[in-house]
Amino acid sequence: MTKLGKWEDLAVRMGSGALLALSGLFAVWAGGHIFHALISIVCGAMVWELMRLLDPTRVTSSIVMGVLSALVVMVASYLPWYLAGLLLLCPVLIGIVWMDSGRKRFTIFGVAVMIAGLGIIMQRDDVGIVWLAFIILVVVITDVAGYFVGRSIGGPKFWPAVSPSKTWSGTIGGWVGALALGLYFSLLYGGGGVTVLVAFALSIASQMGDIAESAIKRQVGVKDSSHLIPGHGGVLDRFDGMLGASLMLLVIEALIDFPPM
């Protein structure tokens, strides 16, 4: 690959990434209904892409499933957790009935998407903007540092059978970036070493989310989950890291007293 070839997608990637970032920042700042709506739409898009990947013949059904999933996440965000949990399962159960292939993977990833989406909404509503920004920044820095370090240094592949472009240098670069962010947040908002370790755990979970989604794409023989986001592929391609990190944060918050208040 030439030097130019390494960076040929950078302009498009940065442009669409900037638009996503600005939209996300506004929704995070606004909170409330606006943030609920954005996360619901993202979840619906991910479920749509997931069904298209696993059962390509279900063109209309995947659209219906995406819209239904977005509506369910939106409604669930205003319900008590025990009712919300039951409601979140409904689109996944319907999808299992409709689909002719990929039911097991759809069940696992579909449930993960719905739970992670509601978890992010609860994070903004219950914990506040600072620690929601924390998880978002961990995922972004892990991705950005991994991209630039991996493209600059290259070297051995992390898991070539699943994610051919991911290198060990990029993976470690993402970890270092997340650790630095964790240290910064610990100094500003508290938590000490726990905050740093949580940042590291979220970074790893973010990368595992990316790898898990890459595994699905490899199995079905596609490069991107869709072409909705120029330079990034689909919504799953862009938010797979957030999916993994969100689920990890829910587990961490259930086990320890985090974040520091």
Protein backbone atom coordinates (compact mmCIF):
# COMPACT_ATOMS: atom_id res chain seq x y z
CA MET A 1 0.00 0.00 0.00
CA THR A 2 1.34 3.48 -0.91
CA LYS A 3 1.53 6.30 1.60
CA LEU A 4 -1.41 7.96 -0.14
CA GLY A 5 -3.35 4.71 -0.12
CA LYS A 6 -3.05 4.49 3.65
CA TRP A 7 -4.92 7.74 4.10
CA GLU A 8 -7.15 7.92 1.01
CA ASP A 9 -10.35 7.52 3.04
CA LEU A 10 -9.35 10.02 5.72
CA ALA A 11 -11.11 13.12 4.33
CA VAL A 12 -14.46 11.38 3.85
CA ARG A 13 -14.09 9.57 7.16
CA MET A 14 -13.35 12.79 9.04
CA GLY A 15 -16.17 14.71 7.35
CA SER A 16 -18.88 12.21 8.13
CA GLY A 17 -17.34 11.62 11.55
CA ALA A 18 -17.51 15.35 12.31
CA LEU A 19 -21.18 15.48 11.31
CA LEU A 20 -21.93 12.48 13.53
CA ALA A 21 -19.97 14.05 16.38
CA LEU A 22 -21.80 17.37 16.15
CA SER A 23 -25.20 15.64 16.06
CA GLY A 24 -24.23 13.44 18.99
CA LEU A 25 -22.82 16.34 21.02
CA PHE A 26 -26.02 18.33 20.57
CA ALA A 27 -28.18 15.37 21.61
CA VAL A 28 -25.96 14.61 24.62
CA TRP A 29 -26.06 18.26 25.70
CA ALA A 30 -29.83 18.52 25.20
CA GLY A 31 -30.65 15.22 26.91
CA GLY A 32 -34.28 14.32 27.50
CA HIS A 33 -36.51 13.49 24.56
CA ILE A 34 -33.91 14.51 21.98
CA PHE A 35 -31.28 12.16 23.35
CA HIS A 36 -33.82 9.36 23.78
CA ALA A 37 -34.87 9.80 20.14
CA LEU A 38 -31.30 9.76 18.80
CA ILE A 39 -30.36 6.58 20.65
CA SER A 40 -33.63 4.94 19.62
CA ILE A 41 -32.95 5.74 15.95
CA VAL A 42 -29.39 4.39 16.22
CA CYS A 43 -30.66 1.16 17.80
CA GLY A 44 -33.31 0.78 15.11
CA ALA A 45 -30.71 1.27 12.37
CA MET A 46 -28.42 -1.33 13.95
CA VAL A 47 -31.21 -3.90 14.18
CA TRP A 48 -32.15 -3.20 10.55
CA GLU A 49 -28.57 -3.73 9.43
CA LEU A 50 -28.21 -6.83 11.57
CA MET A 51 -31.28 -8.49 10.05
CA ARG A 52 -30.15 -7.56 6.52
CA LEU A 53 -26.74 -9.09 7.15
CA LEU A 54 -28.01 -12.35 8.60
CA ASP A 55 -31.05 -12.88 6.36
CA PRO A 56 -30.65 -10.78 3.17
CA THR A 57 -33.93 -11.99 1.69
CA ARG A 58 -35.89 -10.17 4.40
CA VAL A 59 -35.74 -6.72 2.80
CA THR A 60 -39.12 -5.39 3.92
CA SER A 61 -39.10 -7.28 7.21
CA SER A 62 -35.73 -5.77 8.15
CA ILE A 63 -37.09 -2.25 7.63
CA VAL A 64 -40.16 -3.04 9.75
CA MET A 65 -37.92 -4.57 12.40
CA GLY A 66 -35.70 -1.49 12.47
CA VAL A 67 -38.63 0.89 12.89
CA LEU A 68 -40.21 -1.35 15.54
CA SER A 69 -36.95 -1.59 17.47
CA ALA A 70 -36.51 2.19 17.47
CA LEU A 71 -40.05 2.68 18.76
CA VAL A 72 -39.59 0.03 21.44
CA VAL A 73 -36.37 1.60 22.77
CA MET A 74 -38.07 5.01 22.82
CA VAL A 75 -41.09 3.74 24.77
CA ALA A 76 -38.95 1.57 27.08
CA SER A 77 -36.88 4.61 28.06
CA TYR A 78 -39.91 5.99 29.91
CA LEU A 79 -40.92 2.77 31.67
CA PRO A 80 -39.76 1.17 34.94
CA TRP A 81 -36.77 -1.10 34.31
CA TYR A 82 -38.70 -4.37 34.79
CA LEU A 83 -41.32 -3.42 32.18
CA ALA A 84 -38.68 -1.94 29.89
CA GLY A 85 -36.71 -5.20 29.95
CA LEU A 86 -39.71 -7.23 28.86
CA LEU A 87 -40.59 -4.77 26.12
CA LEU A 88 -37.05 -4.80 24.72
CA LEU A 89 -37.31 -8.53 24.04
CA CYS A 90 -40.35 -8.16 21.77
CA PRO A 91 -38.58 -7.09 18.53
CA VAL A 92 -35.99 -9.84 18.98
CA LEU A 93 -38.68 -12.50 19.44
CA ILE A 94 -40.55 -11.25 16.37
CA GLY A 95 -37.33 -11.29 14.37
CA ILE A 96 -36.65 -14.89 15.35
CA VAL A 97 -40.08 -15.87 14.02
CA TRP A 98 -39.64 -13.98 10.76
CA MET A 99 -36.09 -15.00 9.92
CA ASP A 100 -35.08 -18.08 7.94
CA SER A 101 -31.37 -17.90 8.84
CA GLY A 102 -29.07 -16.37 11.45
CA ARG A 103 -31.55 -16.62 14.30
CA LYS A 104 -28.97 -17.39 17.00
CA ARG A 105 -26.68 -14.51 16.09
CA PHE A 106 -29.64 -12.16 15.68
CA THR A 107 -30.87 -13.10 19.15
CA ILE A 108 -27.50 -12.44 20.79
CA PHE A 109 -26.73 -9.20 18.97
CA GLY A 110 -30.32 -7.99 18.93
CA VAL A 111 -30.63 -8.30 22.71
CA ALA A 112 -27.22 -6.64 23.12
CA VAL A 113 -28.25 -3.67 20.95
CA MET A 114 -31.52 -3.12 22.79
CA ILE A 115 -30.01 -3.40 26.28
CA ALA A 116 -27.01 -1.23 25.41
CA GLY A 117 -29.29 1.44 23.91
CA LEU A 118 -31.46 1.63 27.00
CA GLY A 119 -28.34 1.57 29.18
CA ILE A 120 -26.90 4.64 27.43
CA ILE A 121 -30.20 6.48 27.85
CA MET A 122 -30.26 5.61 31.56
CA GLN A 123 -26.65 6.78 31.86
CA ARG A 124 -27.60 10.24 30.58
CA ASP A 125 -30.81 10.44 32.61
CA ASP A 126 -29.57 9.04 35.93
CA VAL A 127 -25.83 9.70 36.09
CA GLY A 128 -25.45 12.84 34.01
CA ILE A 129 -23.54 14.28 31.13
CA VAL A 130 -20.00 14.01 32.53
CA TRP A 131 -19.87 10.24 32.83
CA LEU A 132 -21.79 9.73 29.61
CA ALA A 133 -19.09 11.86 27.97
CA PHE A 134 -16.54 9.58 29.66
CA ILE A 135 -17.76 6.41 27.95
CA ILE A 136 -18.19 8.17 24.59
CA LEU A 137 -14.69 9.64 24.74
CA VAL A 138 -13.17 6.28 25.70
CA VAL A 139 -14.73 4.69 22.62
CA VAL A 140 -13.78 7.59 20.34
CA ILE A 141 -10.18 7.78 21.57
CA THR A 142 -9.79 4.01 21.35
CA ASP A 143 -10.96 4.13 17.74
CA VAL A 144 -9.06 7.25 16.70
CA ALA A 145 -5.80 6.33 18.42
CA GLY A 146 -6.09 2.80 17.06
CA TYR A 147 -6.68 4.10 13.53
CA PHE A 148 -3.75 6.52 13.44
CA VAL A 149 -1.27 4.35 15.34
CA GLY A 150 -2.24 1.27 13.33
CA ARG A 151 -1.97 3.09 10.00
CA SER A 152 1.31 4.76 10.98
CA ILE A 153 3.14 1.81 12.54
CA GLY A 154 1.38 -1.22 11.07
CA GLY A 155 2.93 -4.51 12.10
CA PRO A 156 1.42 -7.86 13.08
CA LYS A 157 -2.30 -8.31 12.76
CA PHE A 158 -4.34 -8.62 15.94
CA TRP A 159 -6.79 -11.26 14.63
CA PRO A 160 -6.48 -11.54 10.84
CA ALA A 161 -9.08 -14.29 10.47
CA VAL A 162 -11.77 -11.99 11.87
CA SER A 163 -10.55 -8.40 11.43
CA PRO A 164 -7.87 -8.22 8.71
CA SER A 165 -7.12 -4.51 9.15
CA LYS A 166 -6.70 -4.43 12.94
CA THR A 167 -3.07 -4.51 14.12
CA TRP A 168 -1.48 -5.03 17.52
CA SER A 169 0.04 -1.55 17.31
CA GLY A 170 -3.39 0.02 16.74
CA THR A 171 -4.93 -2.08 19.50
CA ILE A 172 -2.29 -1.03 22.02
CA GLY A 173 -2.52 2.57 20.81
CA GLY A 174 -6.22 2.51 21.64
CA TRP A 175 -5.50 1.16 25.12
CA VAL A 176 -2.90 3.86 25.81
CA GLY A 177 -5.30 6.57 24.69
CA ALA A 178 -8.06 5.23 26.94
CA LEU A 179 -5.70 4.97 29.93
CA ALA A 180 -4.64 8.59 29.43
CA LEU A 181 -8.28 9.66 29.31
CA GLY A 182 -9.05 7.64 32.43
CA LEU A 183 -6.21 9.38 34.27
CA TYR A 184 -7.50 12.78 33.14
CA PHE A 185 -11.04 12.03 34.38
CA SER A 186 -9.73 10.63 37.66
CA LEU A 187 -7.89 13.88 38.35
CA LEU A 188 -10.86 16.06 37.44
CA TYR A 189 -13.82 14.03 38.72
CA GLY A 190 -12.40 11.47 41.13
CA GLY A 191 -12.31 7.72 41.32
CA GLY A 192 -8.53 7.41 41.29
CA GLY A 193 -7.17 4.17 39.90
CA VAL A 194 -10.67 2.73 39.55
CA THR A 195 -11.55 5.32 36.92
CA VAL A 196 -8.36 4.51 35.01
CA LEU A 197 -9.06 0.77 35.16
CA VAL A 198 -12.68 1.29 34.07
CA ALA A 199 -11.45 3.30 31.08
CA PHE A 200 -9.12 0.43 30.18
CA ALA A 201 -11.94 -2.14 30.54
CA LEU A 202 -14.27 -0.04 28.39
CA SER A 203 -11.55 0.30 25.75
CA ILE A 204 -11.11 -3.47 25.57
CA ALA A 205 -14.89 -3.98 25.47
CA SER A 206 -15.11 -1.41 22.69
CA GLN A 207 -12.55 -3.32 20.64
CA MET A 208 -14.31 -6.61 21.34
CA GLY A 209 -17.56 -5.09 20.07
CA ASP A 210 -15.76 -4.15 16.88
CA ILE A 211 -14.29 -7.63 16.51
CA ALA A 212 -17.63 -9.34 17.17
CA GLU A 213 -19.29 -7.28 14.45
CA SER A 214 -16.36 -7.96 12.10
CA ALA A 215 -16.86 -11.68 12.71
CA ILE A 216 -20.46 -11.46 11.53
CA LYS A 217 -19.43 -9.57 8.39
CA ARG A 218 -16.73 -12.11 7.63
CA GLN A 219 -19.21 -14.97 8.04
CA VAL A 220 -21.71 -13.43 5.64
CA GLY A 221 -19.03 -12.13 3.25
CA VAL A 222 -19.54 -8.35 3.34
CA LYS A 223 -17.16 -5.47 4.08
CA ASP A 224 -19.61 -3.03 5.66
CA SER A 225 -22.90 -3.48 7.51
CA SER A 226 -24.44 -0.91 5.13
CA HIS A 227 -23.44 2.30 3.35
CA LEU A 228 -25.36 4.79 5.45
CA ILE A 229 -22.27 6.63 6.75
CA PRO A 230 -19.66 7.64 4.12
CA GLY A 231 -16.18 6.52 5.10
CA HIS A 232 -17.45 4.42 7.97
CA GLY A 233 -19.89 1.99 6.37
CA GLY A 234 -22.98 1.33 8.40
CA VAL A 235 -24.32 2.27 11.81
CA LEU A 236 -23.14 -1.05 13.23
CA ASP A 237 -19.67 -0.32 11.86
CA ARG A 238 -19.61 3.02 13.63
CA PHE A 239 -21.31 2.08 16.91
CA ASP A 240 -20.12 -1.50 17.47
CA GLY A 241 -17.49 -0.18 19.88
CA MET A 242 -20.08 1.81 21.81
CA LEU A 243 -22.21 -1.31 21.97
CA GLY A 244 -19.45 -3.32 23.65
CA ALA A 245 -18.47 -0.49 26.00
CA SER A 246 -22.07 0.20 27.03
CA LEU A 247 -22.64 -3.41 27.99
CA MET A 248 -19.37 -3.47 29.92
CA LEU A 249 -20.31 -0.32 31.81
CA LEU A 250 -23.65 -1.83 32.84
CA VAL A 251 -21.79 -4.83 34.27
CA ILE A 252 -19.24 -2.60 36.05
CA GLU A 253 -21.91 -0.40 37.60
CA ALA A 254 -23.74 -3.48 38.84
CA LEU A 255 -20.59 -4.79 40.54
CA ILE A 256 -18.91 -1.72 42.01
CA ASP A 257 -19.76 1.81 43.10
CA PHE A 258 -19.04 3.61 39.86
CA PRO A 259 -19.01 6.37 38.76
CA PRO A 260 -17.86 8.47 41.72
CA MET A 261 -20.50 11.03 42.57
